[in-house]
Amino acid sequence: MTPDLVLLRSLNDEVGEYHSDWMLIGDDSGGSGLFMRRGGGDRASVYRLDLGAGDSAIDSPGVGEWVTDDLLGWLAAGADTGR
């Protein structure tokens, strides 16, 4: 996904309204989005969250599912979402 598509997808899915500190970087083709932080110290971790979850804190226990803490390594390895 190109940077322009990432931005467009985040805008269309209203990510900024519900998860202002996060960026939608893709999906798992099963109704869940793949998110990473927009800024701060941890911008390499990826979490999976149901796209209908509203304003839940993505990285809170029991909310988002941690996928990886190495975005670039995960992408290089084929970005398996485990689903």
C-alpha atoms as a PDB file:
ATOM      1  CA  MET A   1       0.000   0.000   0.000  1.00  0.00           C
ATOM      2  CA  THR A   2       1.463   3.354  -1.001  1.00  0.00           C
ATOM      3  CA  PRO A   3       1.683   6.244   1.489  1.00  0.00           C
ATOM      4  CA  ASP A   4      -1.096   8.064  -0.394  1.00  0.00           C
ATOM      5  CA  LEU A   5      -3.380   5.042  -0.105  1.00  0.00           C
ATOM      6  CA  VAL A   6      -2.581   4.662   3.609  1.00  0.00           C
ATOM      7  CA  LEU A   7      -3.596   8.280   4.205  1.00  0.00           C
ATOM      8  CA  LEU A   8      -6.728   7.996   2.062  1.00  0.00           C
ATOM      9  CA  ARG A   9      -7.794   4.771   3.778  1.00  0.00           C
ATOM     10  CA  SER A  10      -7.278   6.295   7.222  1.00  0.00           C
ATOM     11  CA  LEU A  11      -9.353   9.335   6.231  1.00  0.00           C
ATOM     12  CA  ASN A  12     -12.153   7.251   4.696  1.00  0.00           C
ATOM     13  CA  ASP A  13     -12.373   4.965   7.728  1.00  0.00           C
ATOM     14  CA  GLU A  14     -12.365   7.999  10.083  1.00  0.00           C
ATOM     15  CA  VAL A  15      -9.380   6.651  12.008  1.00  0.00           C
ATOM     16  CA  GLY A  16      -8.419  10.153  13.179  1.00  0.00           C
ATOM     17  CA  GLU A  17     -11.841  10.634  14.737  1.00  0.00           C
ATOM     18  CA  TYR A  18     -11.738   7.427  16.779  1.00  0.00           C
ATOM     19  CA  HIS A  19      -8.012   6.669  17.091  1.00  0.00           C
ATOM     20  CA  SER A  20      -6.191   9.992  16.677  1.00  0.00           C
ATOM     21  CA  ASP A  21      -2.788   8.617  17.741  1.00  0.00           C
ATOM     22  CA  TRP A  22      -2.942   5.745  15.252  1.00  0.00           C
ATOM     23  CA  MET A  23      -2.685   5.196  11.489  1.00  0.00           C
ATOM     24  CA  LEU A  24      -4.513   2.457   9.604  1.00  0.00           C
ATOM     25  CA  ILE A  25      -1.829   0.756   7.478  1.00  0.00           C
ATOM     26  CA  GLY A  26      -3.855  -2.113   6.049  1.00  0.00           C
ATOM     27  CA  ASP A  27      -6.332  -4.849   6.864  1.00  0.00           C
ATOM     28  CA  ASP A  28      -6.438  -8.614   7.232  1.00  0.00           C
ATOM     29  CA  SER A  29      -9.268  -9.139   4.694  1.00  0.00           C
ATOM     30  CA  GLY A  30     -11.451 -10.317   7.550  1.00  0.00           C
ATOM     31  CA  GLY A  31     -12.908  -7.109   8.978  1.00  0.00           C
ATOM     32  CA  SER A  32      -9.948  -6.062  11.105  1.00  0.00           C
ATOM     33  CA  GLY A  33      -7.587  -3.178  10.488  1.00  0.00           C
ATOM     34  CA  LEU A  34      -3.838  -3.139  11.001  1.00  0.00           C
ATOM     35  CA  PHE A  35      -2.707  -0.068  12.935  1.00  0.00           C
ATOM     36  CA  MET A  36       0.550   1.607  13.931  1.00  0.00           C
ATOM     37  CA  ARG A  37       1.169   4.728  16.010  1.00  0.00           C
ATOM     38  CA  ARG A  38       1.400   8.067  14.201  1.00  0.00           C
ATOM     39  CA  GLY A  39       4.270   9.304  16.362  1.00  0.00           C
ATOM     40  CA  GLY A  40       6.110   8.825  19.603  1.00  0.00           C
ATOM     41  CA  GLY A  41       8.601   6.196  20.632  1.00  0.00           C
ATOM     42  CA  ASP A  42       6.806   3.075  19.421  1.00  0.00           C
ATOM     43  CA  ARG A  43       6.178   3.472  15.702  1.00  0.00           C
ATOM     44  CA  ALA A  44       7.271  -0.044  14.739  1.00  0.00           C
ATOM     45  CA  SER A  45       4.540  -2.046  16.490  1.00  0.00           C
ATOM     46  CA  VAL A  46       1.481  -3.218  14.573  1.00  0.00           C
ATOM     47  CA  TYR A  47      -1.867  -4.083  16.168  1.00  0.00           C
ATOM     48  CA  ARG A  48      -4.990  -5.692  14.716  1.00  0.00           C
ATOM     49  CA  LEU A  49      -8.365  -4.244  15.724  1.00  0.00           C
ATOM     50  CA  ASP A  50     -11.909  -4.810  14.497  1.00  0.00           C
ATOM     51  CA  LEU A  51     -12.733  -1.878  12.230  1.00  0.00           C
ATOM     52  CA  GLY A  52     -16.051  -1.401  14.053  1.00  0.00           C
ATOM     53  CA  ALA A  53     -14.440  -1.098  17.499  1.00  0.00           C
ATOM     54  CA  GLY A  54     -15.068   2.633  17.813  1.00  0.00           C
ATOM     55  CA  ASP A  55     -12.906   4.625  20.184  1.00  0.00           C
ATOM     56  CA  SER A  56     -11.313   1.751  22.088  1.00  0.00           C
ATOM     57  CA  ALA A  57      -7.644   2.164  23.038  1.00  0.00           C
ATOM     58  CA  ILE A  58      -5.949  -0.077  20.489  1.00  0.00           C
ATOM     59  CA  ASP A  59      -3.014  -1.135  22.667  1.00  0.00           C
ATOM     60  CA  SER A  60      -5.057  -1.723  25.846  1.00  0.00           C
ATOM     61  CA  PRO A  61      -5.170  -5.314  27.110  1.00  0.00           C
ATOM     62  CA  GLY A  62      -8.034  -7.239  25.552  1.00  0.00           C
ATOM     63  CA  VAL A  63      -8.743  -4.626  22.861  1.00  0.00           C
ATOM     64  CA  GLY A  64      -6.260  -4.696  19.989  1.00  0.00           C
ATOM     65  CA  GLU A  65      -4.257  -7.791  19.133  1.00  0.00           C
ATOM     66  CA  TRP A  66      -0.494  -7.223  18.968  1.00  0.00           C
ATOM     67  CA  VAL A  67       0.921  -8.438  15.633  1.00  0.00           C
ATOM     68  CA  THR A  68       4.599  -7.388  15.684  1.00  0.00           C
ATOM     69  CA  ASP A  69       7.031  -4.911  17.184  1.00  0.00           C
ATOM     70  CA  ASP A  70       9.174  -4.862  14.019  1.00  0.00           C
ATOM     71  CA  LEU A  71       7.145  -3.343  11.172  1.00  0.00           C
ATOM     72  CA  LEU A  72       9.959  -3.425   8.610  1.00  0.00           C
ATOM     73  CA  GLY A  73      10.999  -6.987   9.475  1.00  0.00           C
ATOM     74  CA  TRP A  74       7.376  -8.130   9.380  1.00  0.00           C
ATOM     75  CA  LEU A  75       6.886  -6.570   5.950  1.00  0.00           C
ATOM     76  CA  ALA A  76      10.127  -8.102   4.659  1.00  0.00           C
ATOM     77  CA  ALA A  77       8.956 -11.527   5.858  1.00  0.00           C
ATOM     78  CA  GLY A  78       5.674 -11.270   3.929  1.00  0.00           C
ATOM     79  CA  ALA A  79       3.445  -9.538   6.501  1.00  0.00           C
ATOM     80  CA  ASP A  80       1.607 -12.674   7.647  1.00  0.00           C
ATOM     81  CA  THR A  81      -1.408 -11.616   9.710  1.00  0.00           C
ATOM     82  CA  GLY A  82      -1.872 -15.086  11.145  1.00  0.00           C
ATOM     83  CA  ARG A  83      -5.338 -15.388   9.660  1.00  0.00           C
END
